[in-house]
């Protein structure tokens, strides 16, 4: 009821607010959602699902454009400099909007100064996966093996949540493991399946189909609590309190985008994210929680809070700035 009340309140406040003649009929042409990661990964699949929902809700084509590279910062820098007209949006995440300022000394955008928050769309934990050829089949067995074989285990990662999750575990558990960066989650998962690398910390949204198909084995999730999607898989925090790493996603627009466009996108996005069919789709497919959506101001405040959290988390995990 609270969510329905919130949505009704948003609609009531904004209704009739599309006073600008140039944006009364927005959108009048296709909208492009730029995804910062490669096609086929969890972020891409979620963005494409949302794009279809937005297209139906707005009565206009919504196109997904992939611009992978540099942990998402290439896409974010591109959108930051795009026309602020509501037709180019970034499918933003913690990688691009929370962690990047503390990872890259030459970042070409500012998450607050260069973007307007539109709508928060989902949160998802990461998961530590392995293949069925390794000698450990549970989280406890993995910990024992890693401690008995310092420096011999490598683990893959493809974004900042993966890095933070893996490094936090290594530091709190006292493990000596070798991190290996990959350009995309599918690439890393493929390497795990083939045992080219024995482990990966990856978004559960990207790994879920492989887990369900019994191609990889989940050992532990990085969230503070177990996820409903994998109730039998332990949370790392059960052994090492304080580990709580999750990815989040949402739409942002270039700074200065007309309020009318942002409000219309937010109303559509909030309604979509709270649809029971959408909630169930993401819970079943990706263990993603879409119910924490809200207004543009709420999303903006969330991003500011996340910047502080990721600064502390990356510092505590010992992740160096590049």
C-alpha atoms as a PDB file:
ATOM      1  CA  UNK A   1       0.000   0.000   0.000  1.00  0.00           C
ATOM      2  CA  UNK A   2       2.871   2.377   0.791  1.00  0.00           C
ATOM      3  CA  UNK A   3       4.313   1.882  -2.696  1.00  0.00           C
ATOM      4  CA  UNK A   4       0.921   2.499  -4.302  1.00  0.00           C
ATOM      5  CA  UNK A   5       0.453   5.608  -2.181  1.00  0.00           C
ATOM      6  CA  UNK A   6       3.923   6.848  -3.130  1.00  0.00           C
ATOM      7  CA  UNK A   7       3.215   6.315  -6.829  1.00  0.00           C
ATOM      8  CA  UNK A   8      -0.161   8.039  -6.559  1.00  0.00           C
ATOM      9  CA  UNK A   9       1.464  10.960  -4.777  1.00  0.00           C
ATOM     10  CA  UNK A  10       4.118  11.292  -7.458  1.00  0.00           C
ATOM     11  CA  UNK A  11       1.501  11.265 -10.200  1.00  0.00           C
ATOM     12  CA  UNK A  12      -0.665  13.780  -8.357  1.00  0.00           C
ATOM     13  CA  UNK A  13       2.175  16.232  -7.817  1.00  0.00           C
ATOM     14  CA  UNK A  14       3.442  16.027 -11.378  1.00  0.00           C
ATOM     15  CA  UNK A  15       0.135  15.731 -13.229  1.00  0.00           C
ATOM     16  CA  UNK A  16      -0.505  18.764 -15.352  1.00  0.00           C
ATOM     17  CA  UNK A  17       3.104  19.831 -15.007  1.00  0.00           C
ATOM     18  CA  UNK A  18       4.066  19.306 -18.630  1.00  0.00           C
ATOM     19  CA  UNK A  19       3.605  22.966 -19.409  1.00  0.00           C
ATOM     20  CA  UNK A  20       6.492  23.417 -21.824  1.00  0.00           C
ATOM     21  CA  UNK A  21       5.017  23.290 -25.342  1.00  0.00           C
ATOM     22  CA  UNK A  22       8.173  21.654 -26.711  1.00  0.00           C
ATOM     23  CA  UNK A  23       7.852  18.736 -24.275  1.00  0.00           C
ATOM     24  CA  UNK A  24       4.074  18.367 -24.037  1.00  0.00           C
ATOM     25  CA  UNK A  25       4.230  15.484 -26.516  1.00  0.00           C
ATOM     26  CA  UNK A  26       7.526  13.983 -25.268  1.00  0.00           C
ATOM     27  CA  UNK A  27       8.820  11.607 -26.478  1.00  0.00           C
ATOM     28  CA  UNK A  28       8.343  12.457 -30.146  1.00  0.00           C
ATOM     29  CA  UNK A  29      11.194  10.292 -31.454  1.00  0.00           C
ATOM     30  CA  UNK A  30      13.128   7.195 -30.345  1.00  0.00           C
ATOM     31  CA  UNK A  31      14.949   7.255 -27.011  1.00  0.00           C
ATOM     32  CA  UNK A  32      18.385   5.670 -26.675  1.00  0.00           C
ATOM     33  CA  UNK A  33      19.434   3.946 -23.457  1.00  0.00           C
ATOM     34  CA  UNK A  34      23.216   3.579 -23.368  1.00  0.00           C
ATOM     35  CA  UNK A  35      24.444   0.473 -21.533  1.00  0.00           C
ATOM     36  CA  UNK A  36      27.975   0.580 -20.159  1.00  0.00           C
ATOM     37  CA  UNK A  37      28.651  -3.139 -20.497  1.00  0.00           C
ATOM     38  CA  UNK A  38      28.747  -5.721 -23.277  1.00  0.00           C
ATOM     39  CA  UNK A  39      25.697  -7.354 -24.816  1.00  0.00           C
ATOM     40  CA  UNK A  40      24.595 -10.562 -23.150  1.00  0.00           C
ATOM     41  CA  UNK A  41      25.558  -9.655 -19.588  1.00  0.00           C
ATOM     42  CA  UNK A  42      23.144  -9.202 -16.711  1.00  0.00           C
ATOM     43  CA  UNK A  43      23.082  -5.401 -17.000  1.00  0.00           C
ATOM     44  CA  UNK A  44      22.415  -5.571 -20.728  1.00  0.00           C
ATOM     45  CA  UNK A  45      19.612  -8.115 -20.364  1.00  0.00           C
ATOM     46  CA  UNK A  46      17.922  -6.050 -17.667  1.00  0.00           C
ATOM     47  CA  UNK A  47      18.237  -2.864 -19.729  1.00  0.00           C
ATOM     48  CA  UNK A  48      16.709  -4.537 -22.780  1.00  0.00           C
ATOM     49  CA  UNK A  49      13.796  -5.848 -20.746  1.00  0.00           C
ATOM     50  CA  UNK A  50      13.177  -2.382 -19.338  1.00  0.00           C
ATOM     51  CA  UNK A  51      13.552  -0.796 -22.787  1.00  0.00           C
ATOM     52  CA  UNK A  52      10.664  -2.898 -24.083  1.00  0.00           C
ATOM     53  CA  UNK A  53       8.532  -1.927 -21.082  1.00  0.00           C
ATOM     54  CA  UNK A  54       9.339   1.783 -21.527  1.00  0.00           C
ATOM     55  CA  UNK A  55       8.576   1.570 -25.241  1.00  0.00           C
ATOM     56  CA  UNK A  56       5.136   0.129 -24.546  1.00  0.00           C
ATOM     57  CA  UNK A  57       4.424   2.647 -21.773  1.00  0.00           C
ATOM     58  CA  UNK A  58       5.568   5.720 -23.707  1.00  0.00           C
ATOM     59  CA  UNK A  59       4.342   4.704 -27.153  1.00  0.00           C
ATOM     60  CA  UNK A  60       7.773   5.321 -28.661  1.00  0.00           C
ATOM     61  CA  UNK A  61      10.751   3.178 -29.636  1.00  0.00           C
ATOM     62  CA  UNK A  62      13.419   2.776 -26.952  1.00  0.00           C
ATOM     63  CA  UNK A  63      16.763   1.572 -28.294  1.00  0.00           C
ATOM     64  CA  UNK A  64      19.583  -0.026 -26.313  1.00  0.00           C
ATOM     65  CA  UNK A  65      23.118   0.921 -27.349  1.00  0.00           C
ATOM     66  CA  UNK A  66      26.103  -0.886 -25.822  1.00  0.00           C
ATOM     67  CA  UNK A  67      29.286   1.113 -25.205  1.00  0.00           C
ATOM     68  CA  UNK A  68      31.444  -1.189 -23.056  1.00  0.00           C
ATOM     69  CA  UNK A  69      34.922  -0.477 -21.757  1.00  0.00           C
ATOM     70  CA  UNK A  70      36.866   1.001 -18.841  1.00  0.00           C
ATOM     71  CA  UNK A  71      34.436  -0.447 -16.297  1.00  0.00           C
ATOM     72  CA  UNK A  72      31.541   1.514 -17.717  1.00  0.00           C
ATOM     73  CA  UNK A  73      33.166   4.934 -17.694  1.00  0.00           C
ATOM     74  CA  UNK A  74      33.330   5.216 -21.494  1.00  0.00           C
ATOM     75  CA  UNK A  75      29.549   5.035 -21.760  1.00  0.00           C
ATOM     76  CA  UNK A  76      29.019   7.400 -18.836  1.00  0.00           C
ATOM     77  CA  UNK A  77      31.385  10.006 -20.292  1.00  0.00           C
ATOM     78  CA  UNK A  78      29.579   9.721 -23.635  1.00  0.00           C
ATOM     79  CA  UNK A  79      26.144  10.328 -22.123  1.00  0.00           C
ATOM     80  CA  UNK A  80      27.436  13.157 -19.922  1.00  0.00           C
ATOM     81  CA  UNK A  81      28.300  15.079 -23.090  1.00  0.00           C
ATOM     82  CA  UNK A  82      25.161  14.124 -25.034  1.00  0.00           C
ATOM     83  CA  UNK A  83      22.421  16.708 -25.713  1.00  0.00           C
ATOM     84  CA  UNK A  84      20.301  17.274 -22.605  1.00  0.00           C
ATOM     85  CA  UNK A  85      17.027  16.679 -24.400  1.00  0.00           C
ATOM     86  CA  UNK A  86      15.700  13.475 -22.839  1.00  0.00           C
ATOM     87  CA  UNK A  87      16.535  11.295 -25.819  1.00  0.00           C
ATOM     88  CA  UNK A  88      19.876   9.904 -24.617  1.00  0.00           C
ATOM     89  CA  UNK A  89      19.924   8.185 -21.228  1.00  0.00           C
ATOM     90  CA  UNK A  90      22.486   6.160 -19.304  1.00  0.00           C
ATOM     91  CA  UNK A  91      21.530   2.853 -17.727  1.00  0.00           C
ATOM     92  CA  UNK A  92      23.649   3.827 -14.764  1.00  0.00           C
ATOM     93  CA  UNK A  93      24.982   1.678 -11.969  1.00  0.00           C
ATOM     94  CA  UNK A  94      27.171   1.668  -8.892  1.00  0.00           C
ATOM     95  CA  UNK A  95      30.152   1.048 -11.189  1.00  0.00           C
ATOM     96  CA  UNK A  96      29.703   4.254 -13.157  1.00  0.00           C
ATOM     97  CA  UNK A  97      28.053   6.531 -10.601  1.00  0.00           C
ATOM     98  CA  UNK A  98      29.333   5.450  -7.162  1.00  0.00           C
ATOM     99  CA  UNK A  99      32.672   3.682  -7.448  1.00  0.00           C
ATOM    100  CA  UNK A 100      34.325   5.220 -10.504  1.00  0.00           C
ATOM    101  CA  UNK A 101      35.399   8.498  -8.816  1.00  0.00           C
ATOM    102  CA  UNK A 102      37.435   6.469  -6.315  1.00  0.00           C
ATOM    103  CA  UNK A 103      38.924   4.110  -8.899  1.00  0.00           C
ATOM    104  CA  UNK A 104      40.032   6.436 -11.699  1.00  0.00           C
ATOM    105  CA  UNK A 105      42.131   9.560 -11.292  1.00  0.00           C
ATOM    106  CA  UNK A 106      41.346  10.758 -14.836  1.00  0.00           C
ATOM    107  CA  UNK A 107      37.554  10.327 -14.773  1.00  0.00           C
ATOM    108  CA  UNK A 108      35.972  12.495 -17.474  1.00  0.00           C
ATOM    109  CA  UNK A 109      32.669  13.150 -15.708  1.00  0.00           C
ATOM    110  CA  UNK A 110      31.207  13.920 -12.293  1.00  0.00           C
ATOM    111  CA  UNK A 111      28.317  11.669 -11.163  1.00  0.00           C
ATOM    112  CA  UNK A 112      26.511  14.588  -9.504  1.00  0.00           C
ATOM    113  CA  UNK A 113      27.442  17.610 -11.624  1.00  0.00           C
ATOM    114  CA  UNK A 114      27.047  15.962 -15.034  1.00  0.00           C
ATOM    115  CA  UNK A 115      23.835  13.947 -14.602  1.00  0.00           C
ATOM    116  CA  UNK A 116      20.223  14.337 -13.537  1.00  0.00           C
ATOM    117  CA  UNK A 117      18.748  11.345 -11.716  1.00  0.00           C
ATOM    118  CA  UNK A 118      15.675   9.878 -13.420  1.00  0.00           C
ATOM    119  CA  UNK A 119      14.578   6.629 -11.771  1.00  0.00           C
ATOM    120  CA  UNK A 120      16.089   3.820  -9.698  1.00  0.00           C
ATOM    121  CA  UNK A 121      15.344   0.439 -11.262  1.00  0.00           C
ATOM    122  CA  UNK A 122      16.892  -2.408  -9.282  1.00  0.00           C
ATOM    123  CA  UNK A 123      19.384  -3.799  -6.771  1.00  0.00           C
ATOM    124  CA  UNK A 124      21.169  -7.145  -7.120  1.00  0.00           C
ATOM    125  CA  UNK A 125      23.889  -8.879  -5.061  1.00  0.00           C
ATOM    126  CA  UNK A 126      27.025 -10.474  -6.439  1.00  0.00           C
ATOM    127  CA  UNK A 127      27.817 -14.157  -6.026  1.00  0.00           C
ATOM    128  CA  UNK A 128      31.047 -16.133  -5.758  1.00  0.00           C
ATOM    129  CA  UNK A 129      30.891 -18.952  -8.311  1.00  0.00           C
ATOM    130  CA  UNK A 130      33.137 -21.857  -9.234  1.00  0.00           C
ATOM    131  CA  UNK A 131      32.973 -24.819 -11.609  1.00  0.00           C
ATOM    132  CA  UNK A 132      32.337 -28.456 -10.791  1.00  0.00           C
ATOM    133  CA  UNK A 133      35.967 -29.473 -11.375  1.00  0.00           C
ATOM    134  CA  UNK A 134      37.356 -27.673  -8.323  1.00  0.00           C
ATOM    135  CA  UNK A 135      37.949 -29.600  -5.068  1.00  0.00           C
ATOM    136  CA  UNK A 136      35.630 -27.328  -3.052  1.00  0.00           C
ATOM    137  CA  UNK A 137      31.840 -27.532  -3.266  1.00  0.00           C
ATOM    138  CA  UNK A 138      30.830 -25.275  -0.363  1.00  0.00           C
ATOM    139  CA  UNK A 139      31.891 -21.876   0.945  1.00  0.00           C
ATOM    140  CA  UNK A 140      33.599 -23.429   3.969  1.00  0.00           C
ATOM    141  CA  UNK A 141      35.501 -25.897   1.773  1.00  0.00           C
ATOM    142  CA  UNK A 142      36.611 -23.016  -0.457  1.00  0.00           C
ATOM    143  CA  UNK A 143      37.857 -21.014   2.539  1.00  0.00           C
ATOM    144  CA  UNK A 144      39.838 -23.980   3.832  1.00  0.00           C
ATOM    145  CA  UNK A 145      41.373 -24.632   0.407  1.00  0.00           C
ATOM    146  CA  UNK A 146      42.246 -20.964  -0.177  1.00  0.00           C
ATOM    147  CA  UNK A 147      43.945 -20.677   3.219  1.00  0.00           C
ATOM    148  CA  UNK A 148      45.917 -23.880   2.595  1.00  0.00           C
ATOM    149  CA  UNK A 149      47.028 -22.675  -0.859  1.00  0.00           C
ATOM    150  CA  UNK A 150      47.984 -18.980  -0.551  1.00  0.00           C
ATOM    151  CA  UNK A 151      48.640 -17.211  -3.842  1.00  0.00           C
ATOM    152  CA  UNK A 152      47.533 -20.189  -5.936  1.00  0.00           C
ATOM    153  CA  UNK A 153      43.878 -19.307  -6.498  1.00  0.00           C
ATOM    154  CA  UNK A 154      42.776 -16.705  -9.042  1.00  0.00           C
ATOM    155  CA  UNK A 155      39.359 -15.110  -9.355  1.00  0.00           C
ATOM    156  CA  UNK A 156      37.694 -13.190 -12.154  1.00  0.00           C
ATOM    157  CA  UNK A 157      35.827  -9.893 -11.962  1.00  0.00           C
ATOM    158  CA  UNK A 158      34.213  -7.585 -14.518  1.00  0.00           C
ATOM    159  CA  UNK A 159      32.977  -4.529 -12.596  1.00  0.00           C
ATOM    160  CA  UNK A 160      33.443  -2.616  -9.367  1.00  0.00           C
ATOM    161  CA  UNK A 161      30.898  -4.585  -7.346  1.00  0.00           C
ATOM    162  CA  UNK A 162      32.791  -7.740  -8.246  1.00  0.00           C
ATOM    163  CA  UNK A 163      36.087  -6.128  -7.238  1.00  0.00           C
ATOM    164  CA  UNK A 164      34.694  -4.813  -3.948  1.00  0.00           C
ATOM    165  CA  UNK A 165      33.036  -8.111  -3.098  1.00  0.00           C
ATOM    166  CA  UNK A 166      36.124 -10.198  -3.813  1.00  0.00           C
ATOM    167  CA  UNK A 167      38.587  -7.840  -2.166  1.00  0.00           C
ATOM    168  CA  UNK A 168      36.375  -7.435   0.912  1.00  0.00           C
ATOM    169  CA  UNK A 169      36.220 -11.203   1.311  1.00  0.00           C
ATOM    170  CA  UNK A 170      39.969 -11.614   0.793  1.00  0.00           C
ATOM    171  CA  UNK A 171      40.777  -8.938   3.373  1.00  0.00           C
ATOM    172  CA  UNK A 172      38.315 -10.076   6.043  1.00  0.00           C
ATOM    173  CA  UNK A 173      39.139 -13.779   5.580  1.00  0.00           C
ATOM    174  CA  UNK A 174      42.886 -13.238   5.246  1.00  0.00           C
ATOM    175  CA  UNK A 175      43.058 -14.868   1.815  1.00  0.00           C
ATOM    176  CA  UNK A 176      45.881 -14.443  -0.703  1.00  0.00           C
ATOM    177  CA  UNK A 177      44.234 -14.725  -4.128  1.00  0.00           C
ATOM    178  CA  UNK A 178      44.999 -13.256  -7.554  1.00  0.00           C
ATOM    179  CA  UNK A 179      42.301 -11.020  -9.124  1.00  0.00           C
ATOM    180  CA  UNK A 180      41.959 -11.181 -12.918  1.00  0.00           C
ATOM    181  CA  UNK A 181      39.943  -8.471 -14.723  1.00  0.00           C
ATOM    182  CA  UNK A 182      37.634  -9.360 -17.603  1.00  0.00           C
ATOM    183  CA  UNK A 183      35.883  -7.059 -20.038  1.00  0.00           C
ATOM    184  CA  UNK A 184      32.475  -8.636 -19.466  1.00  0.00           C
ATOM    185  CA  UNK A 185      30.663 -10.986 -17.122  1.00  0.00           C
ATOM    186  CA  UNK A 186      29.831 -13.550 -19.855  1.00  0.00           C
ATOM    187  CA  UNK A 187      33.517 -13.758 -20.784  1.00  0.00           C
ATOM    188  CA  UNK A 188      34.515 -14.402 -17.182  1.00  0.00           C
ATOM    189  CA  UNK A 189      31.751 -16.946 -16.604  1.00  0.00           C
ATOM    190  CA  UNK A 190      32.800 -18.835 -19.741  1.00  0.00           C
ATOM    191  CA  UNK A 191      36.353 -18.998 -18.395  1.00  0.00           C
ATOM    192  CA  UNK A 192      35.070 -20.344 -15.077  1.00  0.00           C
ATOM    193  CA  UNK A 193      33.003 -23.035 -16.799  1.00  0.00           C
ATOM    194  CA  UNK A 194      36.077 -24.107 -18.764  1.00  0.00           C
ATOM    195  CA  UNK A 195      38.238 -23.983 -15.606  1.00  0.00           C
ATOM    196  CA  UNK A 196      40.616 -21.443 -17.168  1.00  0.00           C
ATOM    197  CA  UNK A 197      39.968 -19.499 -13.965  1.00  0.00           C
ATOM    198  CA  UNK A 198      38.472 -21.337 -10.975  1.00  0.00           C
ATOM    199  CA  UNK A 199      36.409 -18.557  -9.401  1.00  0.00           C
ATOM    200  CA  UNK A 200      34.497 -15.398 -10.202  1.00  0.00           C
ATOM    201  CA  UNK A 201      32.651 -12.772  -8.225  1.00  0.00           C
ATOM    202  CA  UNK A 202      29.837 -11.696 -10.540  1.00  0.00           C
ATOM    203  CA  UNK A 203      26.389 -10.111 -10.484  1.00  0.00           C
ATOM    204  CA  UNK A 204      23.803 -12.746  -9.669  1.00  0.00           C
ATOM    205  CA  UNK A 205      21.743 -11.408 -12.571  1.00  0.00           C
ATOM    206  CA  UNK A 206      24.492 -12.506 -14.968  1.00  0.00           C
ATOM    207  CA  UNK A 207      25.140 -15.846 -13.273  1.00  0.00           C
ATOM    208  CA  UNK A 208      21.610 -16.996 -12.452  1.00  0.00           C
ATOM    209  CA  UNK A 209      20.884 -18.854 -15.703  1.00  0.00           C
ATOM    210  CA  UNK A 210      24.221 -20.688 -15.425  1.00  0.00           C
ATOM    211  CA  UNK A 211      23.437 -21.611 -11.819  1.00  0.00           C
ATOM    212  CA  UNK A 212      19.981 -22.848 -12.769  1.00  0.00           C
ATOM    213  CA  UNK A 213      21.486 -24.816 -15.654  1.00  0.00           C
ATOM    214  CA  UNK A 214      24.021 -26.378 -13.257  1.00  0.00           C
ATOM    215  CA  UNK A 215      26.953 -25.059 -15.268  1.00  0.00           C
ATOM    216  CA  UNK A 216      28.457 -23.182 -12.325  1.00  0.00           C
ATOM    217  CA  UNK A 217      28.266 -23.692  -8.575  1.00  0.00           C
ATOM    218  CA  UNK A 218      27.369 -20.747  -6.288  1.00  0.00           C
ATOM    219  CA  UNK A 219      29.412 -20.646  -3.082  1.00  0.00           C
ATOM    220  CA  UNK A 220      28.261 -17.432  -1.355  1.00  0.00           C
ATOM    221  CA  UNK A 221      26.509 -14.129  -2.029  1.00  0.00           C
ATOM    222  CA  UNK A 222      27.978 -10.730  -1.170  1.00  0.00           C
ATOM    223  CA  UNK A 223      24.815  -9.194   0.295  1.00  0.00           C
ATOM    224  CA  UNK A 224      24.242  -8.817   4.028  1.00  0.00           C
ATOM    225  CA  UNK A 225      21.562 -11.499   3.929  1.00  0.00           C
ATOM    226  CA  UNK A 226      20.808 -14.543   1.811  1.00  0.00           C
ATOM    227  CA  UNK A 227      18.913 -13.810  -1.384  1.00  0.00           C
ATOM    228  CA  UNK A 228      15.451 -15.295  -2.006  1.00  0.00           C
ATOM    229  CA  UNK A 229      16.688 -16.500  -5.387  1.00  0.00           C
ATOM    230  CA  UNK A 230      19.280 -18.786  -3.748  1.00  0.00           C
ATOM    231  CA  UNK A 231      18.036 -19.439  -0.206  1.00  0.00           C
ATOM    232  CA  UNK A 232      20.466 -22.317   0.405  1.00  0.00           C
ATOM    233  CA  UNK A 233      23.550 -20.303  -0.555  1.00  0.00           C
ATOM    234  CA  UNK A 234      25.145 -18.539   2.437  1.00  0.00           C
ATOM    235  CA  UNK A 235      25.891 -14.838   2.654  1.00  0.00           C
ATOM    236  CA  UNK A 236      29.576 -14.025   3.142  1.00  0.00           C
ATOM    237  CA  UNK A 237      28.533 -11.874   6.090  1.00  0.00           C
ATOM    238  CA  UNK A 238      27.466 -14.987   8.002  1.00  0.00           C
ATOM    239  CA  UNK A 239      31.147 -15.781   8.401  1.00  0.00           C
ATOM    240  CA  UNK A 240      32.562 -12.279   8.004  1.00  0.00           C
ATOM    241  CA  UNK A 241      30.209  -9.579   9.367  1.00  0.00           C
ATOM    242  CA  UNK A 242      30.287  -6.271   7.534  1.00  0.00           C
ATOM    243  CA  UNK A 243      30.375  -7.580   3.963  1.00  0.00           C
ATOM    244  CA  UNK A 244      27.400  -6.068   2.126  1.00  0.00           C
ATOM    245  CA  UNK A 245      28.111  -5.418  -1.540  1.00  0.00           C
ATOM    246  CA  UNK A 246      25.362  -5.090  -4.124  1.00  0.00           C
ATOM    247  CA  UNK A 247      24.976  -3.602  -7.566  1.00  0.00           C
ATOM    248  CA  UNK A 248      22.238  -1.126  -8.324  1.00  0.00           C
ATOM    249  CA  UNK A 249      20.910   0.289 -11.563  1.00  0.00           C
ATOM    250  CA  UNK A 250      18.826   3.227 -12.707  1.00  0.00           C
ATOM    251  CA  UNK A 251      18.397   5.753 -15.473  1.00  0.00           C
ATOM    252  CA  UNK A 252      20.190   9.098 -15.464  1.00  0.00           C
ATOM    253  CA  UNK A 253      20.166  11.860 -18.065  1.00  0.00           C
ATOM    254  CA  UNK A 254      22.660  14.563 -19.056  1.00  0.00           C
ATOM    255  CA  UNK A 255      22.559  17.494 -16.625  1.00  0.00           C
ATOM    256  CA  UNK A 256      20.001  20.096 -17.688  1.00  0.00           C
ATOM    257  CA  UNK A 257      17.500  17.679 -19.207  1.00  0.00           C
ATOM    258  CA  UNK A 258      14.031  19.305 -19.071  1.00  0.00           C
ATOM    259  CA  UNK A 259      12.110  18.461 -15.918  1.00  0.00           C
ATOM    260  CA  UNK A 260       9.081  17.541 -18.005  1.00  0.00           C
ATOM    261  CA  UNK A 261      11.019  14.740 -19.697  1.00  0.00           C
ATOM    262  CA  UNK A 262      12.543  13.492 -16.438  1.00  0.00           C
ATOM    263  CA  UNK A 263       9.173  13.468 -14.672  1.00  0.00           C
ATOM    264  CA  UNK A 264       7.476  11.591 -17.496  1.00  0.00           C
ATOM    265  CA  UNK A 265      10.261   9.000 -17.568  1.00  0.00           C
ATOM    266  CA  UNK A 266      10.154   8.677 -13.778  1.00  0.00           C
ATOM    267  CA  UNK A 267       6.402   8.107 -13.678  1.00  0.00           C
ATOM    268  CA  UNK A 268       6.688   5.442 -16.369  1.00  0.00           C
ATOM    269  CA  UNK A 269       9.736   3.813 -14.764  1.00  0.00           C
ATOM    270  CA  UNK A 270       8.240   3.741 -11.274  1.00  0.00           C
ATOM    271  CA  UNK A 271       5.022   2.183 -12.523  1.00  0.00           C
ATOM    272  CA  UNK A 272       6.957  -0.404 -14.543  1.00  0.00           C
ATOM    273  CA  UNK A 273       9.323  -1.356 -11.706  1.00  0.00           C
ATOM    274  CA  UNK A 274       6.416  -1.967  -9.326  1.00  0.00           C
ATOM    275  CA  UNK A 275       4.346  -4.100 -11.688  1.00  0.00           C
ATOM    276  CA  UNK A 276       3.927  -7.567 -10.124  1.00  0.00           C
ATOM    277  CA  UNK A 277       4.944  -9.226 -13.388  1.00  0.00           C
ATOM    278  CA  UNK A 278       8.148  -7.152 -13.531  1.00  0.00           C
ATOM    279  CA  UNK A 279       8.955  -7.753  -9.856  1.00  0.00           C
ATOM    280  CA  UNK A 280       8.530 -11.507 -10.361  1.00  0.00           C
ATOM    281  CA  UNK A 281      10.477 -11.505 -13.641  1.00  0.00           C
ATOM    282  CA  UNK A 282      13.564  -9.978 -12.062  1.00  0.00           C
ATOM    283  CA  UNK A 283      13.319 -11.994  -8.860  1.00  0.00           C
ATOM    284  CA  UNK A 284      13.108 -15.238 -10.840  1.00  0.00           C
ATOM    285  CA  UNK A 285      15.656 -14.359 -13.515  1.00  0.00           C
ATOM    286  CA  UNK A 286      18.172 -12.263 -11.656  1.00  0.00           C
ATOM    287  CA  UNK A 287      17.351 -12.116  -7.948  1.00  0.00           C
ATOM    288  CA  UNK A 288      16.985  -8.362  -8.532  1.00  0.00           C
ATOM    289  CA  UNK A 289      14.830  -6.217  -6.253  1.00  0.00           C
ATOM    290  CA  UNK A 290      12.920  -3.587  -8.256  1.00  0.00           C
ATOM    291  CA  UNK A 291      10.708  -2.350  -5.422  1.00  0.00           C
ATOM    292  CA  UNK A 292      13.032   0.365  -4.071  1.00  0.00           C
ATOM    293  CA  UNK A 293      12.211   2.816  -6.837  1.00  0.00           C
ATOM    294  CA  UNK A 294      10.992   6.355  -6.164  1.00  0.00           C
ATOM    295  CA  UNK A 295      11.168   9.983  -7.257  1.00  0.00           C
ATOM    296  CA  UNK A 296      14.091  11.640  -9.082  1.00  0.00           C
ATOM    297  CA  UNK A 297      15.042  13.483  -5.872  1.00  0.00           C
ATOM    298  CA  UNK A 298      15.062  10.227  -3.903  1.00  0.00           C
ATOM    299  CA  UNK A 299      17.273   8.605  -6.515  1.00  0.00           C
ATOM    300  CA  UNK A 300      19.606  11.611  -6.489  1.00  0.00           C
ATOM    301  CA  UNK A 301      19.922  11.385  -2.690  1.00  0.00           C
ATOM    302  CA  UNK A 302      20.575   7.647  -2.998  1.00  0.00           C
ATOM    303  CA  UNK A 303      23.428   8.253  -5.462  1.00  0.00           C
ATOM    304  CA  UNK A 304      24.998  10.801  -3.099  1.00  0.00           C
ATOM    305  CA  UNK A 305      24.773   8.329  -0.216  1.00  0.00           C
ATOM    306  CA  UNK A 306      26.229   5.551  -2.360  1.00  0.00           C
ATOM    307  CA  UNK A 307      29.217   7.717  -3.266  1.00  0.00           C
ATOM    308  CA  UNK A 308      30.099   7.928   0.436  1.00  0.00           C
ATOM    309  CA  UNK A 309      29.499   4.205   0.984  1.00  0.00           C
ATOM    310  CA  UNK A 310      31.647   3.138  -1.963  1.00  0.00           C
ATOM    311  CA  UNK A 311      34.445   5.488  -0.947  1.00  0.00           C
ATOM    312  CA  UNK A 312      34.593   3.779   2.454  1.00  0.00           C
ATOM    313  CA  UNK A 313      34.091   0.279   1.061  1.00  0.00           C
ATOM    314  CA  UNK A 314      36.817   0.507  -1.589  1.00  0.00           C
ATOM    315  CA  UNK A 315      39.236   2.090   0.879  1.00  0.00           C
ATOM    316  CA  UNK A 316      38.572  -0.593   3.489  1.00  0.00           C
ATOM    317  CA  UNK A 317      38.954  -3.334   0.862  1.00  0.00           C
ATOM    318  CA  UNK A 318      42.303  -1.893  -0.223  1.00  0.00           C
ATOM    319  CA  UNK A 319      41.293  -1.379  -3.857  1.00  0.00           C
ATOM    320  CA  UNK A 320      43.895   0.958  -5.436  1.00  0.00           C
ATOM    321  CA  UNK A 321      43.053   3.980  -7.571  1.00  0.00           C
ATOM    322  CA  UNK A 322      44.218   3.779 -11.178  1.00  0.00           C
END
